[in-house]
C-alpha atoms as a PDB file:
ATOM      1  CA  UNK A   1      29.936 -11.294 -24.971  1.00  0.00           C
ATOM      2  CA  UNK A   2      28.903  -8.197 -23.294  1.00  0.00           C
ATOM      3  CA  UNK A   3      28.205  -6.239 -26.062  1.00  0.00           C
ATOM      4  CA  UNK A   4      26.029  -9.427 -27.625  1.00  0.00           C
ATOM      5  CA  UNK A   5      24.140  -9.905 -24.219  1.00  0.00           C
ATOM      6  CA  UNK A   6      23.684  -5.729 -23.883  1.00  0.00           C
ATOM      7  CA  UNK A   7      22.315  -5.591 -27.514  1.00  0.00           C
ATOM      8  CA  UNK A   8      20.169  -8.868 -26.877  1.00  0.00           C
ATOM      9  CA  UNK A   9      18.755  -7.317 -24.051  1.00  0.00           C
ATOM     10  CA  UNK A  10      17.759  -3.836 -25.889  1.00  0.00           C
ATOM     11  CA  UNK A  11      16.421  -5.092 -28.563  1.00  0.00           C
ATOM     12  CA  UNK A  12      13.975  -7.690 -26.072  1.00  0.00           C
ATOM     13  CA  UNK A  13      12.858  -4.495 -24.257  1.00  0.00           C
ATOM     14  CA  UNK A  14      12.181  -2.556 -27.797  1.00  0.00           C
ATOM     15  CA  UNK A  15      10.249  -5.534 -28.806  1.00  0.00           C
ATOM     16  CA  UNK A  16       8.307  -5.618 -25.732  1.00  0.00           C
ATOM     17  CA  UNK A  17       7.437  -1.830 -25.718  1.00  0.00           C
ATOM     18  CA  UNK A  18       6.343  -2.505 -29.238  1.00  0.00           C
ATOM     19  CA  UNK A  19       4.223  -5.032 -28.647  1.00  0.00           C
ATOM     20  CA  UNK A  20       2.796  -3.372 -25.636  1.00  0.00           C
ATOM     21  CA  UNK A  21       2.133  -0.361 -27.649  1.00  0.00           C
ATOM     22  CA  UNK A  22       0.043  -2.033 -30.341  1.00  0.00           C
ATOM     23  CA  UNK A  23      -3.422  -0.207 -30.220  1.00  0.00           C
ATOM     24  CA  UNK A  24      -5.401  -3.352 -30.361  1.00  0.00           C
ATOM     25  CA  UNK A  25      -3.908  -4.613 -27.590  1.00  0.00           C
ATOM     26  CA  UNK A  26      -5.558  -2.146 -25.435  1.00  0.00           C
ATOM     27  CA  UNK A  27      -8.504  -0.385 -25.139  1.00  0.00           C
ATOM     28  CA  UNK A  28      -8.572   3.827 -24.913  1.00  0.00           C
ATOM     29  CA  UNK A  29      -9.651   4.901 -21.521  1.00  0.00           C
ATOM     30  CA  UNK A  30     -12.545   7.683 -20.853  1.00  0.00           C
ATOM     31  CA  UNK A  31      -9.631  10.435 -20.235  1.00  0.00           C
ATOM     32  CA  UNK A  32      -7.759   9.665 -23.799  1.00  0.00           C
ATOM     33  CA  UNK A  33     -11.292   9.503 -25.483  1.00  0.00           C
ATOM     34  CA  UNK A  34     -12.263  13.076 -24.075  1.00  0.00           C
ATOM     35  CA  UNK A  35      -9.183  15.064 -23.475  1.00  0.00           C
ATOM     36  CA  UNK A  36      -8.206  15.689 -26.815  1.00  0.00           C
ATOM     37  CA  UNK A  37     -11.651  17.570 -27.204  1.00  0.00           C
ATOM     38  CA  UNK A  38     -11.178  19.686 -24.233  1.00  0.00           C
ATOM     39  CA  UNK A  39      -7.581  20.355 -23.790  1.00  0.00           C
ATOM     40  CA  UNK A  40      -5.301  21.787 -25.998  1.00  0.00           C
ATOM     41  CA  UNK A  41      -3.336  19.861 -28.389  1.00  0.00           C
ATOM     42  CA  UNK A  42      -0.127  18.522 -27.179  1.00  0.00           C
ATOM     43  CA  UNK A  43       2.712  16.841 -28.664  1.00  0.00           C
ATOM     44  CA  UNK A  44       2.959  13.226 -28.683  1.00  0.00           C
ATOM     45  CA  UNK A  45       6.658  13.687 -27.170  1.00  0.00           C
ATOM     46  CA  UNK A  46       5.277  15.628 -24.403  1.00  0.00           C
ATOM     47  CA  UNK A  47       2.634  12.925 -23.774  1.00  0.00           C
ATOM     48  CA  UNK A  48       5.147  10.230 -23.776  1.00  0.00           C
ATOM     49  CA  UNK A  49       7.048  12.304 -21.309  1.00  0.00           C
ATOM     50  CA  UNK A  50       4.087  12.894 -18.917  1.00  0.00           C
ATOM     51  CA  UNK A  51       3.490   9.295 -18.671  1.00  0.00           C
ATOM     52  CA  UNK A  52       6.912   8.263 -18.063  1.00  0.00           C
ATOM     53  CA  UNK A  53       6.950  10.942 -15.303  1.00  0.00           C
ATOM     54  CA  UNK A  54       3.688   9.295 -13.630  1.00  0.00           C
ATOM     55  CA  UNK A  55       4.578   5.947 -13.855  1.00  0.00           C
ATOM     56  CA  UNK A  56       8.161   6.610 -12.631  1.00  0.00           C
ATOM     57  CA  UNK A  57       7.277   9.247 -10.226  1.00  0.00           C
ATOM     58  CA  UNK A  58       4.709   6.961  -8.377  1.00  0.00           C
ATOM     59  CA  UNK A  59       6.749   3.925  -8.233  1.00  0.00           C
ATOM     60  CA  UNK A  60       9.845   5.044  -6.294  1.00  0.00           C
ATOM     61  CA  UNK A  61       7.712   7.610  -4.168  1.00  0.00           C
ATOM     62  CA  UNK A  62       7.219  11.277  -5.806  1.00  0.00           C
ATOM     63  CA  UNK A  63       6.993  14.093  -3.324  1.00  0.00           C
ATOM     64  CA  UNK A  64       3.297  14.081  -3.525  1.00  0.00           C
ATOM     65  CA  UNK A  65       2.897  10.144  -2.826  1.00  0.00           C
ATOM     66  CA  UNK A  66       5.501  10.078  -0.032  1.00  0.00           C
ATOM     67  CA  UNK A  67       4.002  12.749   1.541  1.00  0.00           C
ATOM     68  CA  UNK A  68       0.208  11.216   1.402  1.00  0.00           C
ATOM     69  CA  UNK A  69       1.752   7.615   2.986  1.00  0.00           C
ATOM     70  CA  UNK A  70       3.813   9.647   5.980  1.00  0.00           C
ATOM     71  CA  UNK A  71       0.805  11.843   6.606  1.00  0.00           C
ATOM     72  CA  UNK A  72      -1.199   8.181   7.235  1.00  0.00           C
ATOM     73  CA  UNK A  73       1.511   7.246   9.788  1.00  0.00           C
ATOM     74  CA  UNK A  74       1.782  10.568  11.121  1.00  0.00           C
ATOM     75  CA  UNK A  75      -1.463  12.380  10.982  1.00  0.00           C
ATOM     76  CA  UNK A  76      -0.823  15.193  13.413  1.00  0.00           C
ATOM     77  CA  UNK A  77       2.837  16.037  12.780  1.00  0.00           C
ATOM     78  CA  UNK A  78       4.512  17.701  10.013  1.00  0.00           C
ATOM     79  CA  UNK A  79       5.900  15.389   7.308  1.00  0.00           C
ATOM     80  CA  UNK A  80       9.546  14.960   7.592  1.00  0.00           C
ATOM     81  CA  UNK A  81      10.191  14.216   3.536  1.00  0.00           C
ATOM     82  CA  UNK A  82      13.831  15.454   3.437  1.00  0.00           C
ATOM     83  CA  UNK A  83      14.587  13.221   6.375  1.00  0.00           C
ATOM     84  CA  UNK A  84      12.817  10.340   4.339  1.00  0.00           C
ATOM     85  CA  UNK A  85      14.905  11.353   1.041  1.00  0.00           C
ATOM     86  CA  UNK A  86      17.903  10.902   3.235  1.00  0.00           C
ATOM     87  CA  UNK A  87      17.028   7.697   4.329  1.00  0.00           C
ATOM     88  CA  UNK A  88      16.417   6.693   0.463  1.00  0.00           C
ATOM     89  CA  UNK A  89      19.787   7.802  -0.343  1.00  0.00           C
ATOM     90  CA  UNK A  90      21.426   5.855   2.562  1.00  0.00           C
ATOM     91  CA  UNK A  91      19.640   2.537   1.709  1.00  0.00           C
ATOM     92  CA  UNK A  92      20.935   3.187  -2.038  1.00  0.00           C
ATOM     93  CA  UNK A  93      24.390   3.659  -0.986  1.00  0.00           C
ATOM     94  CA  UNK A  94      24.248   0.389   1.300  1.00  0.00           C
ATOM     95  CA  UNK A  95      22.659  -1.170  -1.626  1.00  0.00           C
ATOM     96  CA  UNK A  96      25.476   0.017  -3.930  1.00  0.00           C
ATOM     97  CA  UNK A  97      28.146  -1.094  -1.763  1.00  0.00           C
ATOM     98  CA  UNK A  98      26.708  -4.645  -1.437  1.00  0.00           C
ATOM     99  CA  UNK A  99      26.188  -4.936  -5.214  1.00  0.00           C
ATOM    100  CA  UNK A 100      29.904  -3.680  -5.927  1.00  0.00           C
ATOM    101  CA  UNK A 101      31.251  -5.998  -3.142  1.00  0.00           C
ATOM    102  CA  UNK A 102      29.154  -8.837  -4.658  1.00  0.00           C
ATOM    103  CA  UNK A 103      30.417  -8.177  -8.211  1.00  0.00           C
ATOM    104  CA  UNK A 104      33.854  -7.695  -7.064  1.00  0.00           C
ATOM    105  CA  UNK A 105      34.237 -11.014  -5.200  1.00  0.00           C
ATOM    106  CA  UNK A 106      32.356 -13.077  -8.114  1.00  0.00           C
ATOM    107  CA  UNK A 107      34.145 -11.747 -11.140  1.00  0.00           C
ATOM    108  CA  UNK A 108      36.674  -9.419 -12.248  1.00  0.00           C
ATOM    109  CA  UNK A 109      36.363  -5.941 -12.053  1.00  0.00           C
ATOM    110  CA  UNK A 110      34.427  -5.449 -15.551  1.00  0.00           C
ATOM    111  CA  UNK A 111      33.481  -1.862 -16.275  1.00  0.00           C
ATOM    112  CA  UNK A 112      30.192  -2.825 -17.464  1.00  0.00           C
ATOM    113  CA  UNK A 113      29.370  -4.904 -14.438  1.00  0.00           C
ATOM    114  CA  UNK A 114      30.464  -2.406 -12.181  1.00  0.00           C
ATOM    115  CA  UNK A 115      28.233   0.236 -13.777  1.00  0.00           C
ATOM    116  CA  UNK A 116      25.465  -2.349 -13.777  1.00  0.00           C
ATOM    117  CA  UNK A 117      25.724  -3.039 -10.042  1.00  0.00           C
ATOM    118  CA  UNK A 118      26.086   0.691  -8.948  1.00  0.00           C
ATOM    119  CA  UNK A 119      22.932   1.387 -11.206  1.00  0.00           C
ATOM    120  CA  UNK A 120      20.724  -1.550  -9.693  1.00  0.00           C
ATOM    121  CA  UNK A 121      22.094  -0.918  -6.187  1.00  0.00           C
ATOM    122  CA  UNK A 122      20.896   2.365  -6.131  1.00  0.00           C
ATOM    123  CA  UNK A 123      17.688   1.778  -7.637  1.00  0.00           C
ATOM    124  CA  UNK A 124      17.081  -1.221  -5.513  1.00  0.00           C
ATOM    125  CA  UNK A 125      18.199   0.132  -2.461  1.00  0.00           C
ATOM    126  CA  UNK A 126      15.495   3.235  -3.081  1.00  0.00           C
ATOM    127  CA  UNK A 127      12.906   1.223  -4.265  1.00  0.00           C
ATOM    128  CA  UNK A 128      13.176  -0.774  -1.246  1.00  0.00           C
ATOM    129  CA  UNK A 129      13.127   1.856   1.105  1.00  0.00           C
ATOM    130  CA  UNK A 130       9.916   2.978  -0.535  1.00  0.00           C
ATOM    131  CA  UNK A 131       8.515  -0.685  -0.493  1.00  0.00           C
ATOM    132  CA  UNK A 132       9.061  -0.647   3.401  1.00  0.00           C
ATOM    133  CA  UNK A 133       7.465   2.663   3.900  1.00  0.00           C
ATOM    134  CA  UNK A 134       4.210   1.366   1.474  1.00  0.00           C
ATOM    135  CA  UNK A 135       4.001  -1.842   3.743  1.00  0.00           C
ATOM    136  CA  UNK A 136       3.675   0.440   6.775  1.00  0.00           C
ATOM    137  CA  UNK A 137       0.960   2.350   5.368  1.00  0.00           C
ATOM    138  CA  UNK A 138      -0.854  -0.722   4.431  1.00  0.00           C
ATOM    139  CA  UNK A 139      -0.172  -2.159   7.831  1.00  0.00           C
ATOM    140  CA  UNK A 140      -1.431   1.209   9.891  1.00  0.00           C
ATOM    141  CA  UNK A 141      -4.661   1.038   7.448  1.00  0.00           C
ATOM    142  CA  UNK A 142      -5.682  -2.441   8.117  1.00  0.00           C
ATOM    143  CA  UNK A 143      -4.856  -1.430  11.426  1.00  0.00           C
ATOM    144  CA  UNK A 144      -7.717   1.515  11.287  1.00  0.00           C
ATOM    145  CA  UNK A 145     -10.070  -0.907   9.545  1.00  0.00           C
ATOM    146  CA  UNK A 146      -9.806  -3.475  12.343  1.00  0.00           C
ATOM    147  CA  UNK A 147     -10.557  -1.304  15.261  1.00  0.00           C
ATOM    148  CA  UNK A 148     -13.324   0.922  13.731  1.00  0.00           C
ATOM    149  CA  UNK A 149     -15.990  -1.700  14.612  1.00  0.00           C
ATOM    150  CA  UNK A 150     -15.258  -1.715  18.020  1.00  0.00           C
ATOM    151  CA  UNK A 151     -14.456   2.550  18.440  1.00  0.00           C
ATOM    152  CA  UNK A 152     -17.765   3.178  16.352  1.00  0.00           C
ATOM    153  CA  UNK A 153     -19.734   0.779  18.980  1.00  0.00           C
ATOM    154  CA  UNK A 154     -18.420   2.235  22.242  1.00  0.00           C
ATOM    155  CA  UNK A 155     -19.253   5.945  20.391  1.00  0.00           C
ATOM    156  CA  UNK A 156     -22.956   4.916  19.788  1.00  0.00           C
ATOM    157  CA  UNK A 157     -23.108   3.283  23.455  1.00  0.00           C
ATOM    158  CA  UNK A 158     -21.686   6.543  24.865  1.00  0.00           C
ATOM    159  CA  UNK A 159     -24.104   8.769  22.549  1.00  0.00           C
ATOM    160  CA  UNK A 160     -27.095   6.849  23.422  1.00  0.00           C
ATOM    161  CA  UNK A 161     -26.218   7.013  27.129  1.00  0.00           C
ATOM    162  CA  UNK A 162     -26.870  10.657  26.741  1.00  0.00           C
ATOM    163  CA  UNK A 163     -23.290  12.094  26.030  1.00  0.00           C
ATOM    164  CA  UNK A 164     -22.644  14.629  23.304  1.00  0.00           C
ATOM    165  CA  UNK A 165     -19.978  13.568  20.370  1.00  0.00           C
ATOM    166  CA  UNK A 166     -17.421  15.326  21.831  1.00  0.00           C
ATOM    167  CA  UNK A 167     -17.544  13.939  25.303  1.00  0.00           C
ATOM    168  CA  UNK A 168     -18.506  10.269  23.674  1.00  0.00           C
ATOM    169  CA  UNK A 169     -15.035  10.708  21.485  1.00  0.00           C
ATOM    170  CA  UNK A 170     -13.397  12.125  24.546  1.00  0.00           C
ATOM    171  CA  UNK A 171     -14.231   8.585  26.360  1.00  0.00           C
ATOM    172  CA  UNK A 172     -13.302   6.702  23.209  1.00  0.00           C
ATOM    173  CA  UNK A 173      -9.986   8.064  22.326  1.00  0.00           C
ATOM    174  CA  UNK A 174      -8.680   6.650  25.750  1.00  0.00           C
ATOM    175  CA  UNK A 175      -8.269   3.463  24.251  1.00  0.00           C
ATOM    176  CA  UNK A 176      -5.188   1.991  22.822  1.00  0.00           C
ATOM    177  CA  UNK A 177      -4.379   1.864  18.883  1.00  0.00           C
ATOM    178  CA  UNK A 178      -3.785   3.667  16.084  1.00  0.00           C
ATOM    179  CA  UNK A 179      -7.389   4.880  15.677  1.00  0.00           C
ATOM    180  CA  UNK A 180      -7.825   5.998  19.244  1.00  0.00           C
ATOM    181  CA  UNK A 181      -4.251   7.827  19.025  1.00  0.00           C
ATOM    182  CA  UNK A 182      -5.767   9.559  15.878  1.00  0.00           C
ATOM    183  CA  UNK A 183      -8.919  10.880  17.581  1.00  0.00           C
ATOM    184  CA  UNK A 184      -6.784  11.763  20.515  1.00  0.00           C
ATOM    185  CA  UNK A 185      -5.067  14.269  18.091  1.00  0.00           C
ATOM    186  CA  UNK A 186      -8.146  15.338  16.485  1.00  0.00           C
ATOM    187  CA  UNK A 187      -9.687  16.022  19.956  1.00  0.00           C
ATOM    188  CA  UNK A 188      -6.548  18.323  20.559  1.00  0.00           C
ATOM    189  CA  UNK A 189      -6.947  20.336  17.715  1.00  0.00           C
ATOM    190  CA  UNK A 190     -10.600  20.812  18.891  1.00  0.00           C
ATOM    191  CA  UNK A 191      -9.389  21.981  21.975  1.00  0.00           C
ATOM    192  CA  UNK A 192      -7.176  24.858  19.991  1.00  0.00           C
ATOM    193  CA  UNK A 193     -10.465  26.251  18.083  1.00  0.00           C
ATOM    194  CA  UNK A 194     -10.791  23.998  15.353  1.00  0.00           C
ATOM    195  CA  UNK A 195     -14.173  22.834  14.991  1.00  0.00           C
ATOM    196  CA  UNK A 196     -15.305  19.239  15.769  1.00  0.00           C
ATOM    197  CA  UNK A 197     -16.566  18.256  12.477  1.00  0.00           C
ATOM    198  CA  UNK A 198     -13.579  19.808  10.375  1.00  0.00           C
ATOM    199  CA  UNK A 199     -10.873  18.151  12.617  1.00  0.00           C
ATOM    200  CA  UNK A 200     -12.699  14.889  12.055  1.00  0.00           C
ATOM    201  CA  UNK A 201     -13.008  15.533   8.322  1.00  0.00           C
ATOM    202  CA  UNK A 202      -9.554  16.531   8.192  1.00  0.00           C
ATOM    203  CA  UNK A 203      -8.211  13.406  10.039  1.00  0.00           C
ATOM    204  CA  UNK A 204     -10.681  11.288   7.444  1.00  0.00           C
ATOM    205  CA  UNK A 205      -9.150  13.063   4.423  1.00  0.00           C
ATOM    206  CA  UNK A 206      -5.460  12.251   5.804  1.00  0.00           C
ATOM    207  CA  UNK A 207      -5.686   8.750   6.283  1.00  0.00           C
ATOM    208  CA  UNK A 208      -7.759   8.280   3.263  1.00  0.00           C
ATOM    209  CA  UNK A 209      -9.446   5.141   4.750  1.00  0.00           C
ATOM    210  CA  UNK A 210     -12.784   4.366   3.048  1.00  0.00           C
ATOM    211  CA  UNK A 211     -14.789   2.872   6.097  1.00  0.00           C
ATOM    212  CA  UNK A 212     -13.636   5.647   8.232  1.00  0.00           C
ATOM    213  CA  UNK A 213     -14.225   8.370   5.771  1.00  0.00           C
ATOM    214  CA  UNK A 214     -17.668   7.224   5.672  1.00  0.00           C
ATOM    215  CA  UNK A 215     -18.385   6.969   9.158  1.00  0.00           C
ATOM    216  CA  UNK A 216     -17.014  10.302   9.735  1.00  0.00           C
ATOM    217  CA  UNK A 217     -19.202  11.562   6.763  1.00  0.00           C
ATOM    218  CA  UNK A 218     -22.243   9.867   8.225  1.00  0.00           C
ATOM    219  CA  UNK A 219     -21.493  11.633  11.891  1.00  0.00           C
ATOM    220  CA  UNK A 220     -21.508  14.889  10.285  1.00  0.00           C
ATOM    221  CA  UNK A 221     -24.440  14.358   8.309  1.00  0.00           C
ATOM    222  CA  UNK A 222     -26.155  13.175  11.542  1.00  0.00           C
ATOM    223  CA  UNK A 223     -24.724  16.262  13.148  1.00  0.00           C
ATOM    224  CA  UNK A 224     -26.086  18.788  10.632  1.00  0.00           C
ATOM    225  CA  UNK A 225     -29.214  17.834   9.909  1.00  0.00           C
ATOM    226  CA  UNK A 226     -30.205  16.851  13.572  1.00  0.00           C
ATOM    227  CA  UNK A 227     -30.965  12.989  12.786  1.00  0.00           C
ATOM    228  CA  UNK A 228     -30.774  10.899  16.052  1.00  0.00           C
ATOM    229  CA  UNK A 229     -27.095  10.112  16.311  1.00  0.00           C
ATOM    230  CA  UNK A 230     -27.201   6.828  18.024  1.00  0.00           C
ATOM    231  CA  UNK A 231     -29.084   4.928  15.503  1.00  0.00           C
ATOM    232  CA  UNK A 232     -26.907   6.582  12.643  1.00  0.00           C
ATOM    233  CA  UNK A 233     -23.539   5.171  14.479  1.00  0.00           C
ATOM    234  CA  UNK A 234     -25.670   2.000  14.990  1.00  0.00           C
ATOM    235  CA  UNK A 235     -26.006   1.563  11.289  1.00  0.00           C
ATOM    236  CA  UNK A 236     -22.580   2.459  10.922  1.00  0.00           C
ATOM    237  CA  UNK A 237     -21.572  -0.452  13.502  1.00  0.00           C
ATOM    238  CA  UNK A 238     -23.308  -2.816  11.192  1.00  0.00           C
ATOM    239  CA  UNK A 239     -21.625  -1.840   8.029  1.00  0.00           C
ATOM    240  CA  UNK A 240     -18.202  -1.603   9.837  1.00  0.00           C
ATOM    241  CA  UNK A 241     -18.953  -5.256  10.613  1.00  0.00           C
ATOM    242  CA  UNK A 242     -20.151  -6.211   7.678  1.00  0.00           C
ATOM    243  CA  UNK A 243     -16.873  -5.058   6.153  1.00  0.00           C
ATOM    244  CA  UNK A 244     -15.010  -6.379   8.473  1.00  0.00           C
ATOM    245  CA  UNK A 245     -16.326  -9.805   7.724  1.00  0.00           C
ATOM    246  CA  UNK A 246     -15.994  -9.563   3.976  1.00  0.00           C
ATOM    247  CA  UNK A 247     -12.168  -8.403   4.772  1.00  0.00           C
ATOM    248  CA  UNK A 248     -11.772 -11.656   6.868  1.00  0.00           C
ATOM    249  CA  UNK A 249     -13.612 -14.197   4.351  1.00  0.00           C
ATOM    250  CA  UNK A 250     -11.361 -12.493   1.538  1.00  0.00           C
ATOM    251  CA  UNK A 251      -8.010 -12.854   3.537  1.00  0.00           C
ATOM    252  CA  UNK A 252      -8.932 -16.257   4.385  1.00  0.00           C
ATOM    253  CA  UNK A 253      -9.516 -16.907   0.798  1.00  0.00           C
ATOM    254  CA  UNK A 254      -6.038 -15.967  -0.103  1.00  0.00           C
ATOM    255  CA  UNK A 255      -4.407 -17.489   2.683  1.00  0.00           C
ATOM    256  CA  UNK A 256      -6.044 -20.843   1.405  1.00  0.00           C
ATOM    257  CA  UNK A 257      -4.506 -20.833  -2.063  1.00  0.00           C
ATOM    258  CA  UNK A 258      -1.067 -19.712  -0.261  1.00  0.00           C
ATOM    259  CA  UNK A 259      -1.422 -23.132   1.887  1.00  0.00           C
ATOM    260  CA  UNK A 260      -1.790 -25.024  -1.291  1.00  0.00           C
ATOM    261  CA  UNK A 261       1.809 -24.237  -1.956  1.00  0.00           C
ATOM    262  CA  UNK A 262       3.460 -26.136   0.347  1.00  0.00           C
ATOM    263  CA  UNK A 263       0.825 -29.291   0.250  1.00  0.00           C
ATOM    264  CA  UNK A 264       1.725 -29.552  -3.549  1.00  0.00           C
ATOM    265  CA  UNK A 265       5.456 -28.430  -3.364  1.00  0.00           C
ATOM    266  CA  UNK A 266       6.496 -30.366  -0.205  1.00  0.00           C
ATOM    267  CA  UNK A 267       4.032 -32.423   1.609  1.00  0.00           C
ATOM    268  CA  UNK A 268       2.954 -34.257  -1.764  1.00  0.00           C
ATOM    269  CA  UNK A 269       6.063 -34.715  -3.105  1.00  0.00           C
ATOM    270  CA  UNK A 270       7.222 -36.326   0.362  1.00  0.00           C
ATOM    271  CA  UNK A 271       4.142 -38.499   0.500  1.00  0.00           C
ATOM    272  CA  UNK A 272       4.997 -39.961  -3.216  1.00  0.00           C
ATOM    273  CA  UNK A 273       8.363 -40.791  -2.637  1.00  0.00           C
ATOM    274  CA  UNK A 274       7.723 -42.577   0.670  1.00  0.00           C
ATOM    275  CA  UNK A 275       4.917 -44.746  -1.020  1.00  0.00           C
ATOM    276  CA  UNK A 276       7.176 -45.079  -4.199  1.00  0.00           C
ATOM    277  CA  UNK A 277      10.496 -45.986  -2.801  1.00  0.00           C
ATOM    278  CA  UNK A 278       9.698 -49.141  -0.900  1.00  0.00           C
ATOM    279  CA  UNK A 279       8.402 -50.482  -4.052  1.00  0.00           C
ATOM    280  CA  UNK A 280      11.595 -49.225  -6.143  1.00  0.00           C
ATOM    281  CA  UNK A 281      13.802 -50.914  -3.392  1.00  0.00           C
ATOM    282  CA  UNK A 282      11.682 -54.291  -3.654  1.00  0.00           C
ATOM    283  CA  UNK A 283      12.483 -54.311  -7.277  1.00  0.00           C
ATOM    284  CA  UNK A 284      16.161 -53.694  -6.973  1.00  0.00           C
ATOM    285  CA  UNK A 285      16.081 -56.887  -3.971  1.00  0.00           C
ATOM    286  CA  UNK A 286      14.547 -58.798  -6.705  1.00  0.00           C
ATOM    287  CA  UNK A 287      16.852 -58.134  -9.514  1.00  0.00           C
END
């Protein structure tokens, strides 16, 4: 029975891969059309191996991906990649133990089930830790985007009052929130000799938040070109407000769709039951 199940799973997986690889089911990308004429010819097996490594490496968290995510959370401290890998190992061990306990409690000690539980538990634990990190990064970037309009407006007011960029940033960075904390770290680097624009550009590169990157680029261009910085900051405030408004509208649209789930699957069936049950009860009494 187990051999038949595994054979069926392997056959289904092979059929799915064959269907997914049919040429007319997908359009070649620009890189796939141009690279054969620019890069040296590679073997098909090497291309397949590269694709698998890229696909598998980005999902559980390759070193590059994990480093970029940890940099978002701690932009001014060294990235502790070995510590994160140790946490992934601990999560994998805990998930493997839970899976083995579930297999042992639910069925007899089947070798195939034990091996499957070990593989699924280890992979699930590592992926769960990576998903937790990815959610923390998404939450931090959302907080940065939400704080940007207020910080940009305060910075514009400080510059319009006559302060220079460094003093205005010092005043704004005294607030609370991850954006102000990041600005305090950038100003700390400025005190050690790093140019202000370089520190801001490095912070934008570490966070990889498009609104903040555009904000920093506008400041750099205005300072280097000698443009009125207050007008540039006001324009950036308006852009940040518009982006926040669009984000709120999109979030509200998604939440509106999600709100239909309890209505359709919970409230509506209950209303139907309360409306139909008295009639059915009267019919039973009439009999």
